[in-house]
Amino acid sequence: MGVSSSYLSRAEVQQLLGVNTFGLWRLVRKYDKFPESTEKPHNPFAAFSDKKEPVEVWDGTEVYQWAAETPEFAHRGAVLLGPLPDDLLPGRWAGYKDTVRGPALDWHTTLGTIRIVYNDDRRTATDVASAIADSGSPDDAVTVCALYGDTGITGPALVAADTAHPGIEYEAGWGNVAALAGQDLPWWPDVLRQPQLIRQWQPGAPAAVVEVPSNANEKILRRAARNGTFDITSRWAVTDMANSIRNNRIDDTDHDNEIFGKERYGDMPTPVVIAAVPDTTRHPLPCDGDRQALKAGWHTLALSSHPDAVAALEVAVGREPDLLPFGAVTEVPVQPGTISESWTRRLTMCDPTAAHAVLAQSDRAEAFFIDPLTDMPVLRIPSDGRKALWRFYAPLSLPASGAELASIVLHHTVWITTSDGHVHPAPCTPTEHLWWGDGWGDRPSEAAAVVDALLNDLGATVNLHEHWKAPKGLTALFNEEHKHGAGITRSTLLHARMTPPRIR
């Protein structure tokens, strides 16, 4: 999240500080650190509004913070940024309060009631403070704190908004709020920040032991694991990934508790009470099984046409694409007379599989294909106001069959022609891409590494984890600006591979 920006006109600054026009003029000259005026950021919708934006504005947070730090105006500044009273009396817990942004805990303090909302969404503090100010009903809360989503010097970072000026947010110190409350303040890790737990909390209560709820991805995978139409290997593969997600969420929750509740500055403890810990009774669940068996399960799932397979495959693409039998998503325009047309002539039309559905994303495909030599799914995306496209997964390897790389052709990706007359998109790993030309300081070493491997063995499975180690001569060749459709022969590639690039 963060502190939401607010801007004050000249009249609003005068009202905030209780001065007239001359008084503001005097402040600007008397105080060197008085915030300077600025121009309000451009509003792209201003052209559609009759309201004119003020030419001169001040950052509301800066003015409010300045007032709190200036004795003459401290009573008009941010409530939680002024110095703590010398006769500070310990506050007391005042129970929970339901708000427009979820349940909060109240603390009666010397400065008034401070309301802490356990929500780190943007503008939470402003929305809750505004609701109090606009309600017209009695509420003694003078300020609202919400979570910033990060940690500060004295504990979890806070964003505050005072009910007197709810539109102005500022950062507040957890340690200051704890000092006003007179005790350590409770904190819940994100995934255990459940309304019922916050409402039930009381000072002195032990940390609640709570089962970490499943996120959307885990639910999708568990549903697929229960689907009896899938074979046992596929169900085991999705279960393995679901278990990995759950283990990660429990570990991350434990880590959050450690980070936000740890001691700082020698022996000084953070004034935090960890209010909930994850249930680790069955933790960790078994995962990270045999990679080849997992890949086999995902491969079978990719050939399914069941919606559960599509949903599970979408999770895997985002989480662990190396388990899938596909390389990088690649697009080339539908263009007669190009190298890609030679490839598309051998494609076989088929019914869509889960792999096709995930490849299509939100686009409408007019036809579905499979490459019979590499088993890669292929789509034809209609023009629909733009050029029609072939979209496909690059293969992870090519069928060797005793042939060798004969040449490459550069046409929106790297194409391989073989000595036995076939054309293939060059293999590529799921998280890389193949390109050429000046990369603004970056060099196309991925393409160089792929070609280097295929020159040795047409059927090699490419590994691009260390693509920057590709032969410098090949990388220099691909760094040149080749036109689309340019072809490079095997002999030229071999010569480049053995020739160090010239120093310019």
Protein backbone atom coordinates (compact mmCIF):
# COMPACT_ATOMS: atom_id res chain seq x y z
CA MET A 1 0.00 0.00 0.00
CA GLY A 2 1.39 3.44 0.94
CA VAL A 3 0.35 6.89 2.03
CA SER A 4 -2.32 8.28 -0.31
CA SER A 5 -1.52 11.68 -1.79
CA SER A 6 -3.66 14.67 -0.91
CA TYR A 7 -3.40 18.27 -2.07
CA LEU A 8 -4.59 21.42 -0.34
CA SER A 9 -5.48 24.74 -1.93
CA ARG A 10 -4.26 27.98 -0.39
CA ALA A 11 -7.60 28.42 1.37
CA GLU A 12 -7.46 24.84 2.73
CA VAL A 13 -3.94 25.37 4.09
CA GLN A 14 -5.09 28.57 5.83
CA GLN A 15 -8.07 26.72 7.32
CA LEU A 16 -5.90 23.82 8.49
CA LEU A 17 -3.43 26.14 10.24
CA GLY A 18 -6.01 28.71 11.41
CA VAL A 19 -4.36 31.68 9.67
CA ASN A 20 -5.50 34.28 7.17
CA THR A 21 -3.84 35.23 3.90
CA PHE A 22 -1.33 37.50 5.64
CA GLY A 23 -0.64 34.82 8.25
CA LEU A 24 0.25 32.28 5.56
CA TRP A 25 2.48 34.85 3.85
CA ARG A 26 4.23 35.37 7.20
CA LEU A 27 4.71 31.63 7.77
CA VAL A 28 6.38 31.15 4.41
CA ARG A 29 8.96 33.80 5.34
CA LYS A 30 9.34 32.95 9.02
CA TYR A 31 9.90 29.20 8.69
CA ASP A 32 12.55 27.98 6.27
CA LYS A 33 11.16 24.45 6.40
CA PHE A 34 7.59 25.43 5.61
CA PRO A 35 6.52 23.19 2.69
CA GLU A 36 6.73 24.80 -0.72
CA SER A 37 3.69 24.94 -2.95
CA THR A 38 3.58 22.84 -6.08
CA GLU A 39 1.33 22.08 -9.03
CA LYS A 40 -1.23 19.37 -8.71
CA PRO A 41 -0.38 16.33 -10.84
CA HIS A 42 -2.11 16.27 -14.20
CA ASN A 43 -5.56 14.72 -14.12
CA PRO A 44 -6.18 12.91 -17.44
CA PHE A 45 -9.95 13.24 -16.88
CA ALA A 46 -9.83 16.99 -16.28
CA ALA A 47 -10.87 17.64 -19.90
CA PHE A 48 -14.20 15.91 -19.19
CA SER A 49 -14.90 17.91 -16.04
CA ASP A 50 -16.15 21.47 -15.57
CA LYS A 51 -14.15 21.77 -12.33
CA LYS A 52 -10.90 23.66 -12.76
CA GLU A 53 -7.89 22.37 -10.86
CA PRO A 54 -6.12 24.89 -8.58
CA VAL A 55 -2.91 26.24 -10.00
CA GLU A 56 -1.11 26.37 -6.65
CA VAL A 57 -1.45 23.55 -4.13
CA TRP A 58 0.43 22.07 -1.18
CA ASP A 59 1.11 18.47 -0.34
CA GLY A 60 -1.36 17.84 2.49
CA THR A 61 0.84 15.29 4.27
CA GLU A 62 3.85 17.65 4.26
CA VAL A 63 1.86 20.56 5.70
CA TYR A 64 0.18 18.36 8.33
CA GLN A 65 3.50 16.86 9.38
CA TRP A 66 5.19 20.27 9.48
CA ALA A 67 2.45 21.57 11.78
CA ALA A 68 2.89 18.62 14.18
CA GLU A 69 6.63 19.30 14.42
CA THR A 70 6.27 23.07 14.91
CA PRO A 71 5.37 24.08 18.50
CA GLU A 72 3.26 27.07 17.37
CA PHE A 73 0.99 24.78 15.31
CA ALA A 74 1.42 21.37 16.99
CA HIS A 75 -2.21 21.42 18.12
CA ARG A 76 -3.27 21.63 14.46
CA GLY A 77 -0.90 18.99 13.11
CA ALA A 78 -0.98 15.24 12.76
CA VAL A 79 -2.11 13.69 16.05
CA LEU A 80 0.48 10.92 16.12
CA LEU A 81 3.48 12.97 14.94
CA GLY A 82 3.72 15.44 17.78
CA PRO A 83 5.86 14.87 20.89
CA LEU A 84 4.38 12.51 23.48
CA PRO A 85 3.03 14.23 26.62
CA ASP A 86 5.40 14.38 29.60
CA ASP A 87 2.62 13.11 31.90
CA LEU A 88 1.78 10.18 29.63
CA LEU A 89 -0.59 7.75 31.31
CA PRO A 90 -0.92 4.17 30.01
CA GLY A 91 -3.89 3.67 27.77
CA ARG A 92 -6.30 0.77 27.85
CA TRP A 93 -7.81 -1.62 25.38
CA ALA A 94 -11.39 -0.72 24.39
CA GLY A 95 -12.47 -3.78 22.41
CA TYR A 96 -13.11 -4.20 18.71
CA LYS A 97 -15.10 -2.06 16.31
CA ASP A 98 -16.43 -3.13 12.92
CA THR A 99 -15.58 -0.59 10.21
CA VAL A 100 -16.10 -0.11 6.49
CA ARG A 101 -12.71 -1.80 5.98
CA GLY A 102 -13.07 -4.68 8.43
CA PRO A 103 -12.80 -5.09 12.21
CA ALA A 104 -10.50 -2.80 14.18
CA LEU A 105 -9.20 -2.61 17.75
CA ASP A 106 -9.65 0.54 19.84
CA TRP A 107 -7.25 1.92 22.43
CA HIS A 108 -8.20 4.71 24.83
CA THR A 109 -5.13 6.93 25.24
CA THR A 110 -4.11 10.34 26.58
CA LEU A 111 -4.63 11.77 23.07
CA GLY A 112 -8.02 10.14 22.60
CA THR A 113 -9.12 6.83 21.09
CA ILE A 114 -6.79 5.35 18.49
CA ARG A 115 -8.42 2.84 16.14
CA ILE A 116 -6.19 0.26 14.43
CA VAL A 117 -7.60 -1.40 11.32
CA TYR A 118 -5.80 -4.58 10.27
CA ASN A 119 -6.01 -3.93 6.56
CA ASP A 120 -3.19 -2.88 4.24
CA ASP A 121 -5.30 -1.85 1.24
CA ARG A 122 -4.79 1.64 -0.09
CA ARG A 123 -6.81 4.48 1.53
CA THR A 124 -8.03 2.26 4.37
CA ALA A 125 -7.15 4.85 7.03
CA THR A 126 -8.84 7.65 5.08
CA ASP A 127 -11.99 5.62 4.37
CA VAL A 128 -12.48 4.61 8.01
CA ALA A 129 -11.69 8.11 9.35
CA SER A 130 -14.05 9.65 6.78
CA ALA A 131 -16.85 7.29 7.78
CA ILE A 132 -16.42 8.39 11.41
CA ALA A 133 -16.35 12.08 10.47
CA ASP A 134 -19.41 11.76 8.21
CA SER A 135 -21.51 9.55 10.50
CA GLY A 136 -22.83 12.31 12.75
CA SER A 137 -23.04 9.78 15.59
CA PRO A 138 -20.84 9.92 18.70
CA ASP A 139 -17.44 8.28 18.22
CA ASP A 140 -14.45 9.32 20.28
CA ALA A 141 -11.84 8.02 17.83
CA VAL A 142 -9.41 10.83 17.04
CA THR A 143 -7.24 8.92 14.61
CA VAL A 144 -7.32 5.74 12.54
CA CYS A 145 -4.27 3.62 11.80
CA ALA A 146 -4.03 1.02 9.06
CA LEU A 147 -1.21 -1.30 8.07
CA TYR A 148 1.32 -0.05 5.55
CA GLY A 149 2.28 -3.58 4.45
CA ASP A 150 5.90 -3.19 5.51
CA THR A 151 7.93 -2.99 8.70
CA GLY A 152 9.35 0.15 10.28
CA ILE A 153 11.97 0.91 12.93
CA THR A 154 9.74 0.17 15.92
CA GLY A 155 7.40 -2.43 14.44
CA PRO A 156 4.95 -2.83 11.57
CA ALA A 157 4.65 0.36 9.50
CA LEU A 158 1.40 2.27 9.90
CA VAL A 159 -0.59 4.78 7.87
CA ALA A 160 -2.73 7.16 9.90
CA ALA A 161 -5.60 9.52 9.13
CA ASP A 162 -7.11 11.77 11.81
CA THR A 163 -10.87 12.16 11.97
CA ALA A 164 -10.43 15.94 12.00
CA HIS A 165 -8.78 15.78 8.56
CA PRO A 166 -9.55 12.30 7.18
CA GLY A 167 -8.36 13.11 3.68
CA ILE A 168 -4.76 13.58 4.82
CA GLU A 169 -2.76 10.41 5.44
CA TYR A 170 0.66 10.20 7.07
CA GLU A 171 3.06 7.57 8.37
CA ALA A 172 2.85 6.83 12.08
CA GLY A 173 5.24 4.93 14.35
CA TRP A 174 4.10 1.61 15.82
CA GLY A 175 6.28 2.31 18.85
CA ASN A 176 4.54 5.63 19.52
CA VAL A 177 1.09 4.05 19.31
CA ALA A 178 2.23 1.24 21.64
CA ALA A 179 3.57 3.83 24.11
CA LEU A 180 0.23 5.63 24.08
CA ALA A 181 -1.62 2.33 24.49
CA GLY A 182 0.68 1.39 27.36
CA GLN A 183 1.27 -2.14 26.09
CA ASP A 184 2.49 -4.17 23.14
CA LEU A 185 0.07 -4.19 20.21
CA PRO A 186 -1.26 -7.34 18.50
CA TRP A 187 -0.32 -8.17 14.93
CA TRP A 188 -1.63 -10.83 12.56
CA PRO A 189 0.28 -12.16 9.54
CA ASP A 190 -1.48 -11.45 6.27
CA VAL A 191 -3.02 -14.88 5.57
CA LEU A 192 -4.26 -15.20 9.18
CA ARG A 193 -5.75 -11.71 9.33
CA GLN A 194 -9.23 -13.14 9.71
CA PRO A 195 -12.11 -10.98 11.03
CA GLN A 196 -13.23 -13.48 13.66
CA LEU A 197 -9.71 -13.73 15.09
CA ILE A 198 -9.41 -9.95 15.38
CA ARG A 199 -12.82 -9.68 17.06
CA GLN A 200 -11.97 -12.45 19.57
CA TRP A 201 -8.55 -11.10 20.59
CA GLN A 202 -7.98 -9.76 24.13
CA PRO A 203 -4.82 -8.53 25.87
CA GLY A 204 -2.89 -11.44 27.37
CA ALA A 205 -4.47 -14.02 25.08
CA PRO A 206 -2.05 -16.65 23.70
CA ALA A 207 -1.42 -16.69 19.99
CA ALA A 208 -4.21 -18.50 18.15
CA VAL A 209 -3.09 -21.60 16.24
CA VAL A 210 -4.83 -21.33 12.88
CA GLU A 211 -4.94 -23.43 9.75
CA VAL A 212 -3.56 -21.45 6.83
CA PRO A 213 -6.43 -21.06 4.34
CA SER A 214 -5.98 -22.34 0.81
CA ASN A 215 -5.41 -19.73 -1.87
CA ALA A 216 -7.12 -19.86 -5.27
CA ASN A 217 -4.30 -21.81 -6.92
CA GLU A 218 -4.25 -24.50 -4.26
CA LYS A 219 -8.03 -24.89 -4.50
CA ILE A 220 -7.78 -25.33 -8.27
CA LEU A 221 -5.12 -28.00 -7.94
CA ARG A 222 -6.95 -29.86 -5.13
CA ARG A 223 -10.09 -29.94 -7.28
CA ALA A 224 -8.12 -31.42 -10.17
CA ALA A 225 -6.56 -33.98 -7.81
CA ARG A 226 -10.06 -35.16 -6.85
CA ASN A 227 -11.14 -35.49 -10.47
CA GLY A 228 -11.44 -39.20 -11.17
CA THR A 229 -11.29 -38.71 -14.95
CA PHE A 230 -7.56 -37.99 -14.70
CA ASP A 231 -5.01 -40.78 -14.45
CA ILE A 232 -3.15 -41.40 -11.20
CA THR A 233 0.08 -39.83 -12.48
CA SER A 234 -1.64 -36.54 -13.35
CA ARG A 235 -3.48 -36.46 -10.03
CA TRP A 236 -0.23 -37.05 -8.20
CA ALA A 237 1.45 -34.24 -10.18
CA VAL A 238 -1.20 -31.65 -9.27
CA THR A 239 -1.20 -32.85 -5.63
CA ASP A 240 2.56 -32.37 -5.49
CA MET A 241 2.23 -28.76 -6.66
CA ALA A 242 -0.70 -28.10 -4.30
CA ASN A 243 1.38 -29.41 -1.39
CA SER A 244 4.26 -27.16 -2.44
CA ILE A 245 1.95 -24.13 -2.41
CA ARG A 246 0.66 -24.99 1.08
CA ASN A 247 4.17 -25.55 2.42
CA ASN A 248 5.28 -22.21 1.01
CA ARG A 249 2.32 -20.38 2.55
CA ILE A 250 2.98 -21.85 5.99
CA ASP A 251 6.71 -21.08 5.75
CA ASP A 252 5.97 -17.54 4.55
CA THR A 253 3.56 -16.98 7.45
CA ASP A 254 6.13 -18.17 9.97
CA HIS A 255 8.67 -15.88 8.31
CA ASP A 256 6.30 -12.90 8.52
CA ASN A 257 5.85 -13.50 12.24
CA GLU A 258 9.60 -13.63 12.66
CA ILE A 259 10.18 -10.44 10.66
CA PHE A 260 7.44 -8.36 12.28
CA GLY A 261 7.90 -9.69 15.81
CA LYS A 262 11.69 -9.91 16.03
CA GLU A 263 13.86 -7.94 18.43
CA ARG A 264 15.65 -4.79 17.26
CA TYR A 265 18.55 -2.72 18.44
CA GLY A 266 20.25 -5.08 20.81
CA ASP A 267 18.03 -6.23 23.63
CA MET A 268 15.16 -3.84 22.85
CA PRO A 269 12.13 -5.98 21.89
CA THR A 270 9.64 -4.86 19.30
CA PRO A 271 6.34 -3.89 21.02
CA VAL A 272 4.44 -6.54 19.07
CA VAL A 273 2.26 -9.40 20.25
CA ILE A 274 2.02 -12.12 17.61
CA ALA A 275 -1.69 -12.84 17.67
CA ALA A 276 -1.82 -15.92 15.42
CA VAL A 277 0.56 -18.63 14.24
CA PRO A 278 0.02 -21.22 11.51
CA ASP A 279 -0.98 -24.76 12.41
CA THR A 280 2.04 -26.91 11.50
CA THR A 281 0.62 -30.25 12.64
CA ARG A 282 1.07 -31.85 9.20
CA HIS A 283 3.78 -29.54 7.94
CA PRO A 284 5.55 -30.02 5.64
CA LEU A 285 3.42 -32.00 3.20
CA PRO A 286 5.30 -34.27 0.77
CA CYS A 287 6.29 -32.54 -2.47
CA ASP A 288 9.15 -32.18 -4.94
CA GLY A 289 8.78 -35.75 -6.13
CA ASP A 290 10.55 -37.38 -9.06
CA ARG A 291 10.79 -34.73 -11.80
CA GLN A 292 10.33 -37.11 -14.71
CA ALA A 293 7.19 -38.61 -13.18
CA LEU A 294 5.82 -35.14 -12.47
CA LYS A 295 6.52 -34.06 -16.06
CA ALA A 296 4.74 -37.17 -17.34
CA GLY A 297 1.68 -36.31 -15.25
CA TRP A 298 1.55 -32.72 -16.50
CA HIS A 299 2.07 -33.87 -20.09
CA THR A 300 -0.96 -36.15 -19.86
CA LEU A 301 -2.99 -33.37 -18.25
CA ALA A 302 -2.06 -30.97 -21.06
CA LEU A 303 -3.69 -33.36 -23.56
CA SER A 304 -7.00 -33.41 -21.65
CA SER A 305 -10.03 -31.36 -22.65
CA HIS A 306 -11.50 -31.11 -19.14
CA PRO A 307 -11.92 -27.59 -17.67
CA ASP A 308 -10.14 -28.71 -14.48
CA ALA A 309 -7.10 -29.55 -16.61
CA VAL A 310 -7.15 -26.08 -18.16
CA ALA A 311 -7.32 -24.39 -14.75
CA ALA A 312 -4.55 -26.57 -13.33
CA LEU A 313 -2.33 -25.97 -16.35
CA GLU A 314 -2.74 -22.20 -15.97
CA VAL A 315 -1.45 -22.52 -12.40
CA ALA A 316 1.52 -24.58 -13.53
CA VAL A 317 2.43 -22.15 -16.33
CA GLY A 318 2.72 -19.35 -13.79
CA ARG A 319 4.31 -21.37 -11.00
CA GLU A 320 6.61 -24.00 -12.49
CA PRO A 321 6.61 -23.96 -16.31
CA ASP A 322 9.70 -26.19 -16.42
CA LEU A 323 7.44 -29.13 -15.54
CA LEU A 324 5.46 -28.66 -18.75
CA PRO A 325 6.45 -30.12 -22.13
CA PHE A 326 6.45 -26.73 -23.84
CA GLY A 327 8.90 -23.94 -24.50
CA ALA A 328 8.29 -20.21 -24.80
CA VAL A 329 5.06 -18.82 -26.26
CA THR A 330 5.91 -17.53 -29.73
CA GLU A 331 3.94 -15.53 -32.29
CA VAL A 332 4.58 -14.97 -36.00
CA PRO A 333 2.31 -13.20 -38.49
CA VAL A 334 0.39 -15.20 -41.06
CA GLN A 335 2.38 -14.22 -44.13
CA PRO A 336 2.51 -16.15 -47.44
CA GLY A 337 5.90 -16.89 -48.92
CA THR A 338 7.79 -16.94 -45.62
CA ILE A 339 9.69 -19.68 -43.81
CA SER A 340 6.80 -20.06 -41.38
CA GLU A 341 4.46 -21.01 -44.24
CA SER A 342 6.71 -23.98 -45.03
CA TRP A 343 6.25 -25.10 -41.42
CA THR A 344 2.50 -24.51 -41.22
CA ARG A 345 1.86 -26.73 -44.26
CA ARG A 346 2.66 -29.80 -42.17
CA LEU A 347 0.46 -28.84 -39.20
CA THR A 348 -2.47 -31.14 -38.45
CA MET A 349 -5.83 -29.68 -37.47
CA CYS A 350 -7.18 -31.10 -34.20
CA ASP A 351 -9.68 -30.58 -31.40
CA PRO A 352 -8.46 -28.17 -28.70
CA THR A 353 -6.72 -29.53 -25.61
CA ALA A 354 -6.00 -27.90 -22.26
CA ALA A 355 -2.65 -26.80 -23.72
CA HIS A 356 -4.46 -25.02 -26.58
CA ALA A 357 -6.85 -23.31 -24.15
CA VAL A 358 -4.02 -21.98 -22.00
CA LEU A 359 -2.08 -20.92 -25.10
CA ALA A 360 -5.10 -18.97 -26.40
CA GLN A 361 -5.37 -16.97 -23.16
CA SER A 362 -8.29 -14.57 -23.69
CA ASP A 363 -8.01 -14.45 -27.49
CA ARG A 364 -10.39 -16.18 -29.87
CA ALA A 365 -8.72 -18.84 -31.98
CA GLU A 366 -10.19 -19.74 -35.36
CA ALA A 367 -8.40 -23.10 -35.67
CA PHE A 368 -6.34 -25.51 -33.56
CA PHE A 369 -3.38 -27.54 -34.76
CA ILE A 370 -0.63 -29.86 -33.63
CA ASP A 371 2.87 -30.10 -35.07
CA PRO A 372 3.15 -33.86 -35.80
CA LEU A 373 6.94 -33.84 -35.50
CA THR A 374 7.26 -32.06 -32.14
CA ASP A 375 3.71 -32.43 -30.68
CA MET A 376 3.60 -28.66 -30.03
CA PRO A 377 0.11 -27.06 -29.88
CA VAL A 378 -0.50 -24.31 -32.44
CA LEU A 379 -3.29 -21.74 -32.84
CA ARG A 380 -4.32 -19.48 -35.66
CA ILE A 381 -5.56 -16.16 -34.24
CA PRO A 382 -7.85 -14.25 -36.67
CA SER A 383 -6.99 -10.71 -37.78
CA ASP A 384 -9.72 -8.90 -35.78
CA GLY A 385 -8.31 -5.46 -36.63
CA ARG A 386 -4.68 -6.59 -36.66
CA LYS A 387 -2.55 -9.06 -38.56
CA ALA A 388 -3.60 -12.70 -38.26
CA LEU A 389 -1.12 -14.66 -36.13
CA TRP A 390 0.24 -18.11 -35.63
CA ARG A 391 0.73 -18.63 -31.90
CA PHE A 392 2.55 -21.69 -30.64
CA TYR A 393 4.80 -23.10 -27.96
CA ALA A 394 8.41 -23.41 -29.03
CA PRO A 395 9.58 -27.02 -28.72
CA LEU A 396 12.06 -27.94 -25.99
CA SER A 397 14.01 -30.08 -28.48
CA LEU A 398 13.82 -31.18 -32.13
CA PRO A 399 13.55 -34.69 -33.58
CA ALA A 400 17.11 -35.56 -34.64
CA SER A 401 16.62 -38.69 -36.83
CA GLY A 402 20.28 -38.58 -37.89
CA ALA A 403 19.95 -35.17 -39.55
CA GLU A 404 21.87 -32.00 -38.76
CA LEU A 405 21.20 -28.27 -38.75
CA ALA A 406 21.51 -27.01 -42.33
CA SER A 407 20.72 -23.31 -41.87
CA ILE A 408 18.71 -20.85 -39.83
CA VAL A 409 16.20 -18.27 -40.99
CA LEU A 410 15.35 -15.17 -38.94
CA HIS A 411 11.65 -14.39 -39.22
CA HIS A 412 10.06 -13.10 -35.98
CA THR A 413 11.89 -15.94 -34.25
CA VAL A 414 14.73 -18.29 -35.16
CA TRP A 415 13.81 -21.07 -37.61
CA ILE A 416 15.84 -24.21 -38.16
CA THR A 417 16.14 -25.98 -41.52
CA THR A 418 17.54 -29.51 -41.40
CA SER A 419 19.58 -31.63 -43.77
CA ASP A 420 16.59 -33.98 -44.27
CA GLY A 421 14.37 -31.14 -45.50
CA HIS A 422 12.33 -30.16 -42.44
CA VAL A 423 11.61 -26.71 -40.99
CA HIS A 424 11.18 -26.15 -37.23
CA PRO A 425 10.80 -23.22 -34.86
CA ALA A 426 14.02 -23.24 -32.84
CA PRO A 427 13.71 -24.84 -29.40
CA CYS A 428 13.56 -22.49 -26.44
CA THR A 429 12.97 -22.84 -22.71
CA PRO A 430 9.66 -21.52 -21.27
CA THR A 431 11.07 -18.39 -19.62
CA GLU A 432 13.41 -17.17 -22.39
CA HIS A 433 12.93 -15.76 -25.88
CA LEU A 434 14.94 -15.81 -29.10
CA TRP A 435 15.83 -12.55 -30.80
CA TRP A 436 18.58 -10.78 -32.67
CA GLY A 437 19.85 -7.26 -33.28
CA ASP A 438 20.94 -4.47 -30.97
CA GLY A 439 19.31 -5.02 -27.58
CA TRP A 440 20.20 -1.61 -26.12
CA GLY A 441 23.26 -3.06 -24.40
CA ASP A 442 21.82 -6.57 -23.97
CA ARG A 443 23.08 -9.24 -26.37
CA PRO A 444 21.02 -12.05 -27.95
CA SER A 445 23.02 -14.81 -26.31
CA GLU A 446 19.92 -17.01 -25.96
CA ALA A 447 19.71 -17.51 -29.73
CA ALA A 448 23.48 -18.03 -29.89
CA ALA A 449 23.31 -20.70 -27.17
CA VAL A 450 20.50 -22.57 -28.92
CA VAL A 451 22.26 -22.59 -32.28
CA ASP A 452 25.54 -23.63 -30.64
CA ALA A 453 23.83 -26.69 -29.09
CA LEU A 454 22.03 -27.65 -32.33
CA LEU A 455 25.20 -27.41 -34.39
CA ASN A 456 26.59 -30.17 -32.19
CA ASP A 457 23.39 -32.23 -31.89
CA LEU A 458 20.15 -31.41 -33.69
CA GLY A 459 18.20 -33.32 -31.02
CA ALA A 460 19.79 -31.54 -28.04
CA THR A 461 17.52 -30.36 -25.23
CA VAL A 462 18.49 -26.73 -24.80
CA ASN A 463 19.46 -25.35 -21.40
CA LEU A 464 19.58 -21.58 -21.22
CA HIS A 465 20.42 -21.15 -17.53
CA GLU A 466 23.87 -19.90 -18.57
CA HIS A 467 23.13 -18.58 -22.06
CA TRP A 468 25.60 -15.72 -21.56
CA LYS A 469 28.37 -18.32 -21.93
CA ALA A 470 27.46 -18.88 -25.59
CA PRO A 471 30.37 -18.56 -28.06
CA LYS A 472 31.19 -14.87 -28.43
CA GLY A 473 31.42 -15.12 -32.22
CA LEU A 474 27.88 -16.52 -32.50
CA THR A 475 26.56 -13.90 -30.09
CA ALA A 476 28.23 -11.17 -32.17
CA LEU A 477 26.61 -12.59 -35.32
CA PHE A 478 23.15 -12.45 -33.75
CA ASN A 479 23.86 -8.97 -32.43
CA GLU A 480 23.89 -7.69 -36.01
CA GLU A 481 20.74 -6.16 -37.50
CA HIS A 482 19.45 -8.91 -39.79
CA LYS A 483 16.29 -8.34 -41.82
CA HIS A 484 13.28 -10.57 -41.34
CA GLY A 485 13.66 -13.52 -43.65
CA ALA A 486 17.45 -13.45 -43.63
CA GLY A 487 19.05 -16.88 -43.87
CA ILE A 488 22.40 -17.97 -42.40
CA THR A 489 24.03 -21.19 -43.57
CA ARG A 490 25.59 -23.86 -41.40
CA SER A 491 29.07 -23.01 -42.65
CA THR A 492 28.61 -19.34 -41.73
CA LEU A 493 27.40 -20.31 -38.27
CA LEU A 494 30.35 -22.67 -37.72
CA HIS A 495 32.79 -19.99 -38.86
CA ALA A 496 31.23 -17.41 -36.53
CA ARG A 497 31.37 -19.86 -33.63
CA MET A 498 35.13 -20.34 -33.99
CA THR A 499 35.91 -16.66 -34.73
CA PRO A 500 36.32 -14.23 -31.82
CA PRO A 501 34.39 -10.98 -32.41
CA ARG A 502 36.43 -8.01 -33.54
CA ILE A 503 37.10 -5.36 -30.90
CA ARG A 504 35.63 -2.07 -31.99
